[in-house]
Amino acid sequence: MKKSLILVLFVVMALFLGACGRGALVGQSPPVEVSPDAPIVEPIAASEKLEVALYFSDWQAQHVIPEFREIDNYSANLAERVVKEFLKGPEQPHLYRTFPEGARVLSVEVKGDTAYVNFQSGINIPGSAGEGAAIRSLLLTLTDLPGIERVQVLVEGRSDVSFGGHFLLSEPGERPQIATYPIFLDEERARWLQERADQGLETWRFDPVQVAAREGRMLGFNEDSVFERIEISSGADPRAYVKAVHEEQEYIIELAQPAVKGDAGVWMIININAS
């Protein structure tokens, strides 16, 4: 009797294992057979990092200069992630934060072509130059992103606000118009940029056209602007001249080499005029 029971259990177990192997259990679909001629679909690999431009004040609060930084490359909440990165302040020396430490964003929503940036209350930016630089830096940072043309600043959900009493932020702001006035060079920053380029970092600064296109964003240019080298003068104090076309208006951008002259020197923008 005992041997018979063992034999029955053995047969049941064998039938069970055979059913598992064939995928024939109740409620279980049979395995899908893949034809050897079926094409192999490779997953599309996304870039791991995305370069964004975050704008911070220069040494005189005259301009806000782009600092290029890499963040994770996925589209979800891109504008909010960029604002939070921006509020961390600059990583490079010789650039200065435009929003005070501790400034906190509650939310960033993009509706149509407008980004709604909702800050926590308590942000105070003294002086008209400082407040203007803060607004300009935020506008440039966000309107650099695809699809964003305007920025509406809110504080705790309200738009009738000001960060320092000089600018009322009740209406959405657009990307600033092209700024046409001289740019005062920061000699210490120039030497630092030269050292970086000598180490193989940001070597695009050896090309005046690339400098005009990338750092020229601080003047109001964008990815649709077109840049073309006109000439590079030789001598003890060389100059480069780049033509920029923005919204059918032509501009001449003048660049200098403050640290090292010649092919091994980085270029920096010193002036811009409408032609």
C-alpha atoms as a PDB file:
ATOM      1  CA  MET A   1       0.000   0.000   0.000  1.00  0.00           C
ATOM      2  CA  LYS A   2       2.783   2.371   0.875  1.00  0.00           C
ATOM      3  CA  LYS A   3       4.629   1.565  -2.354  1.00  0.00           C
ATOM      4  CA  SER A   4       1.463   2.183  -4.378  1.00  0.00           C
ATOM      5  CA  LEU A   5       0.983   5.612  -2.769  1.00  0.00           C
ATOM      6  CA  ILE A   6       4.564   6.589  -3.588  1.00  0.00           C
ATOM      7  CA  LEU A   7       4.081   5.451  -7.170  1.00  0.00           C
ATOM      8  CA  VAL A   8       0.902   7.548  -7.552  1.00  0.00           C
ATOM      9  CA  LEU A   9       2.642  10.643  -6.145  1.00  0.00           C
ATOM     10  CA  PHE A  10       5.546  10.086  -8.545  1.00  0.00           C
ATOM     11  CA  VAL A  11       3.209   9.919 -11.550  1.00  0.00           C
ATOM     12  CA  VAL A  12       1.320  13.084 -10.470  1.00  0.00           C
ATOM     13  CA  MET A  13       4.588  14.997  -9.998  1.00  0.00           C
ATOM     14  CA  ALA A  14       5.817  13.914 -13.437  1.00  0.00           C
ATOM     15  CA  LEU A  15       2.594  15.077 -15.072  1.00  0.00           C
ATOM     16  CA  PHE A  16       2.808  18.420 -13.210  1.00  0.00           C
ATOM     17  CA  LEU A  17       6.393  19.083 -14.281  1.00  0.00           C
ATOM     18  CA  GLY A  18       5.568  18.171 -17.845  1.00  0.00           C
ATOM     19  CA  ALA A  19       2.698  20.657 -17.873  1.00  0.00           C
ATOM     20  CA  CYS A  20       4.959  23.402 -16.515  1.00  0.00           C
ATOM     21  CA  GLY A  21       7.487  22.764 -19.225  1.00  0.00           C
ATOM     22  CA  ARG A  22       4.809  23.096 -21.926  1.00  0.00           C
ATOM     23  CA  GLY A  23       3.169  26.148 -20.336  1.00  0.00           C
ATOM     24  CA  ALA A  24      -0.119  24.180 -20.220  1.00  0.00           C
ATOM     25  CA  LEU A  25      -1.276  24.965 -16.703  1.00  0.00           C
ATOM     26  CA  VAL A  26      -4.815  26.290 -16.336  1.00  0.00           C
ATOM     27  CA  GLY A  27      -4.857  30.063 -16.823  1.00  0.00           C
ATOM     28  CA  GLN A  28      -1.347  30.144 -18.275  1.00  0.00           C
ATOM     29  CA  SER A  29      -0.774  31.120 -21.919  1.00  0.00           C
ATOM     30  CA  PRO A  30       1.467  28.872 -23.967  1.00  0.00           C
ATOM     31  CA  PRO A  31       4.905  30.343 -24.729  1.00  0.00           C
ATOM     32  CA  VAL A  32       5.173  32.491 -27.844  1.00  0.00           C
ATOM     33  CA  GLU A  33       7.417  31.028 -30.475  1.00  0.00           C
ATOM     34  CA  VAL A  34       9.653  33.619 -32.158  1.00  0.00           C
ATOM     35  CA  SER A  35      10.398  33.084 -35.807  1.00  0.00           C
ATOM     36  CA  PRO A  36      14.126  32.976 -36.572  1.00  0.00           C
ATOM     37  CA  ASP A  37      13.420  35.421 -39.450  1.00  0.00           C
ATOM     38  CA  ALA A  38      11.793  38.038 -37.193  1.00  0.00           C
ATOM     39  CA  PRO A  39      13.733  41.350 -37.099  1.00  0.00           C
ATOM     40  CA  ILE A  40      15.541  42.235 -33.874  1.00  0.00           C
ATOM     41  CA  VAL A  41      14.398  45.611 -32.494  1.00  0.00           C
ATOM     42  CA  GLU A  42      17.142  47.359 -30.551  1.00  0.00           C
ATOM     43  CA  PRO A  43      16.082  49.802 -27.799  1.00  0.00           C
ATOM     44  CA  ILE A  44      16.794  53.462 -28.509  1.00  0.00           C
ATOM     45  CA  ALA A  45      19.493  54.643 -26.121  1.00  0.00           C
ATOM     46  CA  ALA A  46      18.965  58.165 -24.782  1.00  0.00           C
ATOM     47  CA  SER A  47      21.821  60.457 -23.946  1.00  0.00           C
ATOM     48  CA  GLU A  48      22.577  60.312 -20.241  1.00  0.00           C
ATOM     49  CA  LYS A  49      23.141  64.050 -19.815  1.00  0.00           C
ATOM     50  CA  LEU A  50      21.660  67.264 -21.195  1.00  0.00           C
ATOM     51  CA  GLU A  51      23.561  70.538 -21.290  1.00  0.00           C
ATOM     52  CA  VAL A  52      21.639  73.585 -20.068  1.00  0.00           C
ATOM     53  CA  ALA A  53      22.652  77.209 -19.629  1.00  0.00           C
ATOM     54  CA  LEU A  54      22.149  78.751 -16.180  1.00  0.00           C
ATOM     55  CA  TYR A  55      22.650  82.509 -15.975  1.00  0.00           C
ATOM     56  CA  PHE A  56      24.480  84.240 -13.133  1.00  0.00           C
ATOM     57  CA  SER A  57      25.652  87.770 -12.543  1.00  0.00           C
ATOM     58  CA  ASP A  58      29.028  89.117 -13.584  1.00  0.00           C
ATOM     59  CA  TRP A  59      31.296  91.013 -11.234  1.00  0.00           C
ATOM     60  CA  GLN A  60      29.445  94.325 -11.743  1.00  0.00           C
ATOM     61  CA  ALA A  61      25.852  93.040 -12.034  1.00  0.00           C
ATOM     62  CA  GLN A  62      25.979  94.455 -15.564  1.00  0.00           C
ATOM     63  CA  HIS A  63      25.241  91.184 -17.370  1.00  0.00           C
ATOM     64  CA  VAL A  64      24.160  87.687 -16.479  1.00  0.00           C
ATOM     65  CA  ILE A  65      26.563  85.149 -17.979  1.00  0.00           C
ATOM     66  CA  PRO A  66      25.665  81.561 -18.927  1.00  0.00           C
ATOM     67  CA  GLU A  67      27.254  78.741 -17.000  1.00  0.00           C
ATOM     68  CA  PHE A  68      26.870  75.505 -18.945  1.00  0.00           C
ATOM     69  CA  ARG A  69      25.926  72.584 -16.758  1.00  0.00           C
ATOM     70  CA  GLU A  70      24.876  68.995 -17.409  1.00  0.00           C
ATOM     71  CA  ILE A  71      21.736  67.524 -15.861  1.00  0.00           C
ATOM     72  CA  ASP A  72      19.967  64.182 -16.292  1.00  0.00           C
ATOM     73  CA  ASN A  73      18.456  63.951 -19.763  1.00  0.00           C
ATOM     74  CA  TYR A  74      14.774  63.151 -19.404  1.00  0.00           C
ATOM     75  CA  SER A  75      11.887  65.447 -20.270  1.00  0.00           C
ATOM     76  CA  ALA A  76       9.761  65.026 -17.140  1.00  0.00           C
ATOM     77  CA  ASN A  77       9.669  68.266 -15.139  1.00  0.00           C
ATOM     78  CA  LEU A  78      12.611  69.685 -17.107  1.00  0.00           C
ATOM     79  CA  ALA A  79      11.758  73.328 -16.355  1.00  0.00           C
ATOM     80  CA  GLU A  80      11.383  72.633 -12.632  1.00  0.00           C
ATOM     81  CA  ARG A  81      14.651  70.702 -12.498  1.00  0.00           C
ATOM     82  CA  VAL A  82      16.431  73.558 -14.297  1.00  0.00           C
ATOM     83  CA  VAL A  83      15.054  76.167 -11.879  1.00  0.00           C
ATOM     84  CA  LYS A  84      16.132  74.110  -8.876  1.00  0.00           C
ATOM     85  CA  GLU A  85      19.593  73.718 -10.398  1.00  0.00           C
ATOM     86  CA  PHE A  86      19.696  77.457 -11.056  1.00  0.00           C
ATOM     87  CA  LEU A  87      18.803  78.274  -7.442  1.00  0.00           C
ATOM     88  CA  LYS A  88      21.845  76.299  -6.250  1.00  0.00           C
ATOM     89  CA  GLY A  89      23.971  79.161  -7.569  1.00  0.00           C
ATOM     90  CA  PRO A  90      27.070  79.100  -9.765  1.00  0.00           C
ATOM     91  CA  GLU A  91      29.695  76.384  -9.613  1.00  0.00           C
ATOM     92  CA  GLN A  92      32.311  78.472 -11.399  1.00  0.00           C
ATOM     93  CA  PRO A  93      34.244  81.224  -9.647  1.00  0.00           C
ATOM     94  CA  HIS A  94      33.810  84.864 -10.707  1.00  0.00           C
ATOM     95  CA  LEU A  95      30.069  84.384 -11.238  1.00  0.00           C
ATOM     96  CA  TYR A  96      27.529  85.387  -8.617  1.00  0.00           C
ATOM     97  CA  ARG A  97      24.093  84.114  -7.660  1.00  0.00           C
ATOM     98  CA  THR A  98      21.186  86.451  -8.441  1.00  0.00           C
ATOM     99  CA  PHE A  99      18.706  84.893  -6.019  1.00  0.00           C
ATOM    100  CA  PRO A 100      19.566  84.721  -2.308  1.00  0.00           C
ATOM    101  CA  GLU A 101      20.581  81.465  -0.692  1.00  0.00           C
ATOM    102  CA  GLY A 102      17.538  79.758   0.717  1.00  0.00           C
ATOM    103  CA  ALA A 103      15.245  80.907  -2.101  1.00  0.00           C
ATOM    104  CA  ARG A 104      12.849  78.028  -2.687  1.00  0.00           C
ATOM    105  CA  VAL A 105      10.614  77.218  -5.627  1.00  0.00           C
ATOM    106  CA  LEU A 106       7.323  75.514  -4.824  1.00  0.00           C
ATOM    107  CA  SER A 107       6.419  74.460  -8.345  1.00  0.00           C
ATOM    108  CA  VAL A 108       7.124  75.084 -12.022  1.00  0.00           C
ATOM    109  CA  GLU A 109       4.402  74.399 -14.570  1.00  0.00           C
ATOM    110  CA  VAL A 110       4.577  74.909 -18.328  1.00  0.00           C
ATOM    111  CA  LYS A 111       1.274  75.764 -20.002  1.00  0.00           C
ATOM    112  CA  GLY A 112       1.500  76.471 -23.699  1.00  0.00           C
ATOM    113  CA  ASP A 113       4.588  78.629 -24.210  1.00  0.00           C
ATOM    114  CA  THR A 114       4.591  80.031 -20.650  1.00  0.00           C
ATOM    115  CA  ALA A 115       6.439  78.722 -17.598  1.00  0.00           C
ATOM    116  CA  TYR A 116       4.744  79.531 -14.275  1.00  0.00           C
ATOM    117  CA  VAL A 117       7.374  79.650 -11.529  1.00  0.00           C
ATOM    118  CA  ASN A 118       5.866  79.680  -8.052  1.00  0.00           C
ATOM    119  CA  PHE A 119       8.287  80.747  -5.297  1.00  0.00           C
ATOM    120  CA  GLN A 120       7.973  80.516  -1.563  1.00  0.00           C
ATOM    121  CA  SER A 121       7.519  83.906   0.077  1.00  0.00           C
ATOM    122  CA  GLY A 122      10.393  85.693   1.792  1.00  0.00           C
ATOM    123  CA  ILE A 123      12.647  86.459  -1.190  1.00  0.00           C
ATOM    124  CA  ASN A 124      14.076  89.972  -0.906  1.00  0.00           C
ATOM    125  CA  ILE A 125      16.578  91.300  -3.461  1.00  0.00           C
ATOM    126  CA  PRO A 126      17.822  94.803  -2.596  1.00  0.00           C
ATOM    127  CA  GLY A 127      18.688  97.399  -5.237  1.00  0.00           C
ATOM    128  CA  SER A 128      17.283  97.893  -8.711  1.00  0.00           C
ATOM    129  CA  ALA A 129      20.426  96.423 -10.369  1.00  0.00           C
ATOM    130  CA  GLY A 130      20.283  93.274  -8.266  1.00  0.00           C
ATOM    131  CA  GLU A 131      16.562  92.808  -8.759  1.00  0.00           C
ATOM    132  CA  GLY A 132      16.881  93.416 -12.499  1.00  0.00           C
ATOM    133  CA  ALA A 133      19.718  90.884 -12.754  1.00  0.00           C
ATOM    134  CA  ALA A 134      17.648  88.286 -10.892  1.00  0.00           C
ATOM    135  CA  ILE A 135      14.686  88.675 -13.239  1.00  0.00           C
ATOM    136  CA  ARG A 136      16.874  88.686 -16.341  1.00  0.00           C
ATOM    137  CA  SER A 137      18.785  85.600 -15.231  1.00  0.00           C
ATOM    138  CA  LEU A 138      15.560  83.660 -14.620  1.00  0.00           C
ATOM    139  CA  LEU A 139      14.059  84.736 -17.957  1.00  0.00           C
ATOM    140  CA  LEU A 140      17.168  83.780 -19.932  1.00  0.00           C
ATOM    141  CA  THR A 141      17.569  80.461 -18.122  1.00  0.00           C
ATOM    142  CA  LEU A 142      14.011  79.322 -18.828  1.00  0.00           C
ATOM    143  CA  THR A 143      13.529  80.762 -22.333  1.00  0.00           C
ATOM    144  CA  ASP A 144      16.631  78.828 -23.389  1.00  0.00           C
ATOM    145  CA  LEU A 145      14.522  75.679 -22.998  1.00  0.00           C
ATOM    146  CA  PRO A 146      12.547  74.389 -26.008  1.00  0.00           C
ATOM    147  CA  GLY A 147       8.965  75.627 -26.177  1.00  0.00           C
ATOM    148  CA  ILE A 148       9.221  78.284 -23.444  1.00  0.00           C
ATOM    149  CA  GLU A 149       8.742  81.850 -24.689  1.00  0.00           C
ATOM    150  CA  ARG A 150       7.477  83.572 -21.547  1.00  0.00           C
ATOM    151  CA  VAL A 151       7.872  83.294 -17.778  1.00  0.00           C
ATOM    152  CA  GLN A 152       5.283  84.235 -15.163  1.00  0.00           C
ATOM    153  CA  VAL A 153       6.723  84.655 -11.677  1.00  0.00           C
ATOM    154  CA  LEU A 154       4.422  83.861  -8.752  1.00  0.00           C
ATOM    155  CA  VAL A 155       4.916  84.016  -5.000  1.00  0.00           C
ATOM    156  CA  GLU A 156       2.682  81.647  -3.078  1.00  0.00           C
ATOM    157  CA  GLY A 157       0.412  81.632  -6.149  1.00  0.00           C
ATOM    158  CA  ARG A 158       0.140  85.434  -6.470  1.00  0.00           C
ATOM    159  CA  SER A 159       1.377  87.449  -9.442  1.00  0.00           C
ATOM    160  CA  ASP A 160       1.076  90.980  -7.984  1.00  0.00           C
ATOM    161  CA  VAL A 161       4.508  90.688  -6.402  1.00  0.00           C
ATOM    162  CA  SER A 162       7.993  92.158  -6.495  1.00  0.00           C
ATOM    163  CA  PHE A 163      11.331  90.863  -5.238  1.00  0.00           C
ATOM    164  CA  GLY A 164      12.625  94.267  -4.222  1.00  0.00           C
ATOM    165  CA  GLY A 165      10.036  96.914  -4.992  1.00  0.00           C
ATOM    166  CA  HIS A 166      11.532  98.054  -8.310  1.00  0.00           C
ATOM    167  CA  PHE A 167       9.846  95.636 -10.744  1.00  0.00           C
ATOM    168  CA  LEU A 168       6.236  94.465 -10.563  1.00  0.00           C
ATOM    169  CA  LEU A 169       5.920  90.892 -11.846  1.00  0.00           C
ATOM    170  CA  SER A 170       2.193  90.872 -12.563  1.00  0.00           C
ATOM    171  CA  GLU A 171       2.579  89.969 -16.263  1.00  0.00           C
ATOM    172  CA  PRO A 172       4.602  87.212 -17.966  1.00  0.00           C
ATOM    173  CA  GLY A 173       8.067  88.309 -19.034  1.00  0.00           C
ATOM    174  CA  GLU A 174       9.626  87.478 -22.397  1.00  0.00           C
ATOM    175  CA  ARG A 175      13.237  86.888 -23.382  1.00  0.00           C
ATOM    176  CA  PRO A 176      15.038  90.242 -23.140  1.00  0.00           C
ATOM    177  CA  GLN A 177      15.809  92.225 -26.270  1.00  0.00           C
ATOM    178  CA  ILE A 178      19.378  92.304 -27.571  1.00  0.00           C
ATOM    179  CA  ALA A 179      21.535  94.417 -25.257  1.00  0.00           C
ATOM    180  CA  THR A 180      23.876  96.731 -27.210  1.00  0.00           C
ATOM    181  CA  TYR A 181      26.461  98.284 -24.937  1.00  0.00           C
ATOM    182  CA  PRO A 182      30.081  97.624 -23.914  1.00  0.00           C
ATOM    183  CA  ILE A 183      30.940  94.726 -21.620  1.00  0.00           C
ATOM    184  CA  PHE A 184      33.563  95.282 -18.953  1.00  0.00           C
ATOM    185  CA  LEU A 185      36.078  92.456 -18.849  1.00  0.00           C
ATOM    186  CA  ASP A 186      36.764  90.576 -15.661  1.00  0.00           C
ATOM    187  CA  GLU A 187      40.516  89.934 -15.864  1.00  0.00           C
ATOM    188  CA  GLU A 188      40.446  87.293 -13.123  1.00  0.00           C
ATOM    189  CA  ARG A 189      37.690  85.351 -14.870  1.00  0.00           C
ATOM    190  CA  ALA A 190      39.589  85.638 -18.157  1.00  0.00           C
ATOM    191  CA  ARG A 191      42.679  84.027 -16.590  1.00  0.00           C
ATOM    192  CA  TRP A 192      40.541  81.275 -15.046  1.00  0.00           C
ATOM    193  CA  LEU A 193      38.860  80.512 -18.389  1.00  0.00           C
ATOM    194  CA  GLN A 194      42.265  80.442 -20.074  1.00  0.00           C
ATOM    195  CA  GLU A 195      43.547  77.906 -17.534  1.00  0.00           C
ATOM    196  CA  ARG A 196      40.502  75.693 -18.135  1.00  0.00           C
ATOM    197  CA  ALA A 197      40.957  75.806 -21.894  1.00  0.00           C
ATOM    198  CA  ASP A 198      44.648  74.979 -21.486  1.00  0.00           C
ATOM    199  CA  GLN A 199      43.533  71.864 -19.580  1.00  0.00           C
ATOM    200  CA  GLY A 200      41.244  70.826 -22.439  1.00  0.00           C
ATOM    201  CA  LEU A 201      37.997  72.130 -20.910  1.00  0.00           C
ATOM    202  CA  GLU A 202      35.610  74.347 -22.908  1.00  0.00           C
ATOM    203  CA  THR A 203      38.045  74.517 -25.812  1.00  0.00           C
ATOM    204  CA  TRP A 204      35.285  76.125 -27.888  1.00  0.00           C
ATOM    205  CA  ARG A 205      36.487  79.380 -26.319  1.00  0.00           C
ATOM    206  CA  PHE A 206      39.388  79.336 -28.798  1.00  0.00           C
ATOM    207  CA  ASP A 207      36.839  79.986 -31.571  1.00  0.00           C
ATOM    208  CA  PRO A 208      35.351  83.538 -31.564  1.00  0.00           C
ATOM    209  CA  VAL A 209      32.256  82.416 -33.495  1.00  0.00           C
ATOM    210  CA  GLN A 210      31.413  79.763 -30.905  1.00  0.00           C
ATOM    211  CA  VAL A 211      32.004  82.227 -28.078  1.00  0.00           C
ATOM    212  CA  ALA A 212      29.683  84.729 -29.769  1.00  0.00           C
ATOM    213  CA  ALA A 213      27.022  82.047 -30.229  1.00  0.00           C
ATOM    214  CA  ARG A 214      27.251  80.527 -26.747  1.00  0.00           C
ATOM    215  CA  GLU A 215      28.128  83.405 -24.423  1.00  0.00           C
ATOM    216  CA  GLY A 216      26.242  85.793 -26.697  1.00  0.00           C
ATOM    217  CA  ARG A 217      23.069  84.342 -25.201  1.00  0.00           C
ATOM    218  CA  MET A 218      23.614  86.699 -22.279  1.00  0.00           C
ATOM    219  CA  LEU A 219      22.941  89.540 -24.740  1.00  0.00           C
ATOM    220  CA  GLY A 220      19.600  88.038 -25.788  1.00  0.00           C
ATOM    221  CA  PHE A 221      20.605  85.848 -28.727  1.00  0.00           C
ATOM    222  CA  ASN A 222      19.182  82.346 -28.952  1.00  0.00           C
ATOM    223  CA  GLU A 223      19.499  79.104 -30.913  1.00  0.00           C
ATOM    224  CA  ASP A 224      17.792  80.693 -33.938  1.00  0.00           C
ATOM    225  CA  SER A 225      20.398  83.453 -34.199  1.00  0.00           C
ATOM    226  CA  VAL A 226      22.988  83.053 -36.964  1.00  0.00           C
ATOM    227  CA  PHE A 227      26.680  83.888 -36.467  1.00  0.00           C
ATOM    228  CA  GLU A 228      29.432  84.442 -39.032  1.00  0.00           C
ATOM    229  CA  ARG A 229      33.062  85.474 -38.605  1.00  0.00           C
ATOM    230  CA  ILE A 230      33.986  88.709 -40.357  1.00  0.00           C
ATOM    231  CA  GLU A 231      37.654  89.095 -39.519  1.00  0.00           C
ATOM    232  CA  ILE A 232      40.366  88.640 -36.912  1.00  0.00           C
ATOM    233  CA  SER A 233      42.898  91.426 -36.604  1.00  0.00           C
ATOM    234  CA  SER A 234      46.519  90.628 -35.805  1.00  0.00           C
ATOM    235  CA  GLY A 235      49.002  92.495 -33.663  1.00  0.00           C
ATOM    236  CA  ALA A 236      49.741  92.938 -29.996  1.00  0.00           C
ATOM    237  CA  ASP A 237      46.043  93.236 -29.081  1.00  0.00           C
ATOM    238  CA  PRO A 238      44.034  91.167 -31.589  1.00  0.00           C
ATOM    239  CA  ARG A 239      40.311  91.597 -32.102  1.00  0.00           C
ATOM    240  CA  ALA A 240      37.730  89.321 -33.647  1.00  0.00           C
ATOM    241  CA  TYR A 241      34.513  90.555 -35.265  1.00  0.00           C
ATOM    242  CA  VAL A 242      31.478  88.321 -35.662  1.00  0.00           C
ATOM    243  CA  LYS A 243      28.255  89.201 -37.465  1.00  0.00           C
ATOM    244  CA  ALA A 244      25.091  88.024 -35.732  1.00  0.00           C
ATOM    245  CA  VAL A 245      21.650  87.999 -37.328  1.00  0.00           C
ATOM    246  CA  HIS A 246      18.712  87.895 -34.936  1.00  0.00           C
ATOM    247  CA  GLU A 247      15.109  88.388 -36.059  1.00  0.00           C
ATOM    248  CA  GLU A 248      16.340  89.934 -39.338  1.00  0.00           C
ATOM    249  CA  GLN A 249      18.480  92.518 -37.498  1.00  0.00           C
ATOM    250  CA  GLU A 250      22.272  92.431 -37.913  1.00  0.00           C
ATOM    251  CA  TYR A 251      24.724  93.034 -35.092  1.00  0.00           C
ATOM    252  CA  ILE A 252      28.508  93.180 -34.886  1.00  0.00           C
ATOM    253  CA  ILE A 253      30.057  91.452 -31.872  1.00  0.00           C
ATOM    254  CA  GLU A 254      33.619  92.424 -30.920  1.00  0.00           C
ATOM    255  CA  LEU A 255      35.822  89.989 -29.006  1.00  0.00           C
ATOM    256  CA  ALA A 256      39.248  90.250 -27.389  1.00  0.00           C
ATOM    257  CA  GLN A 257      41.878  87.898 -25.943  1.00  0.00           C
ATOM    258  CA  PRO A 258      42.562  89.213 -22.431  1.00  0.00           C
ATOM    259  CA  ALA A 259      44.901  86.450 -21.233  1.00  0.00           C
ATOM    260  CA  VAL A 260      46.828  84.828 -24.116  1.00  0.00           C
ATOM    261  CA  LYS A 261      47.110  86.143 -27.675  1.00  0.00           C
ATOM    262  CA  GLY A 262      46.950  84.094 -30.845  1.00  0.00           C
ATOM    263  CA  ASP A 263      45.620  80.620 -31.575  1.00  0.00           C
ATOM    264  CA  ALA A 264      46.118  79.473 -27.964  1.00  0.00           C
ATOM    265  CA  GLY A 265      44.108  82.320 -26.432  1.00  0.00           C
ATOM    266  CA  VAL A 266      40.464  82.270 -25.368  1.00  0.00           C
ATOM    267  CA  TRP A 267      38.107  84.920 -26.699  1.00  0.00           C
ATOM    268  CA  MET A 268      35.706  87.060 -24.673  1.00  0.00           C
ATOM    269  CA  ILE A 269      32.959  89.424 -25.804  1.00  0.00           C
ATOM    270  CA  ILE A 270      33.716  93.092 -25.129  1.00  0.00           C
ATOM    271  CA  ASN A 271      31.207  94.998 -27.278  1.00  0.00           C
ATOM    272  CA  ILE A 272      28.146  94.702 -29.495  1.00  0.00           C
ATOM    273  CA  ASN A 273      26.554  97.177 -31.910  1.00  0.00           C
ATOM    274  CA  ALA A 274      23.590  97.045 -34.260  1.00  0.00           C
ATOM    275  CA  SER A 275      24.794  97.362 -37.837  1.00  0.00           C
END
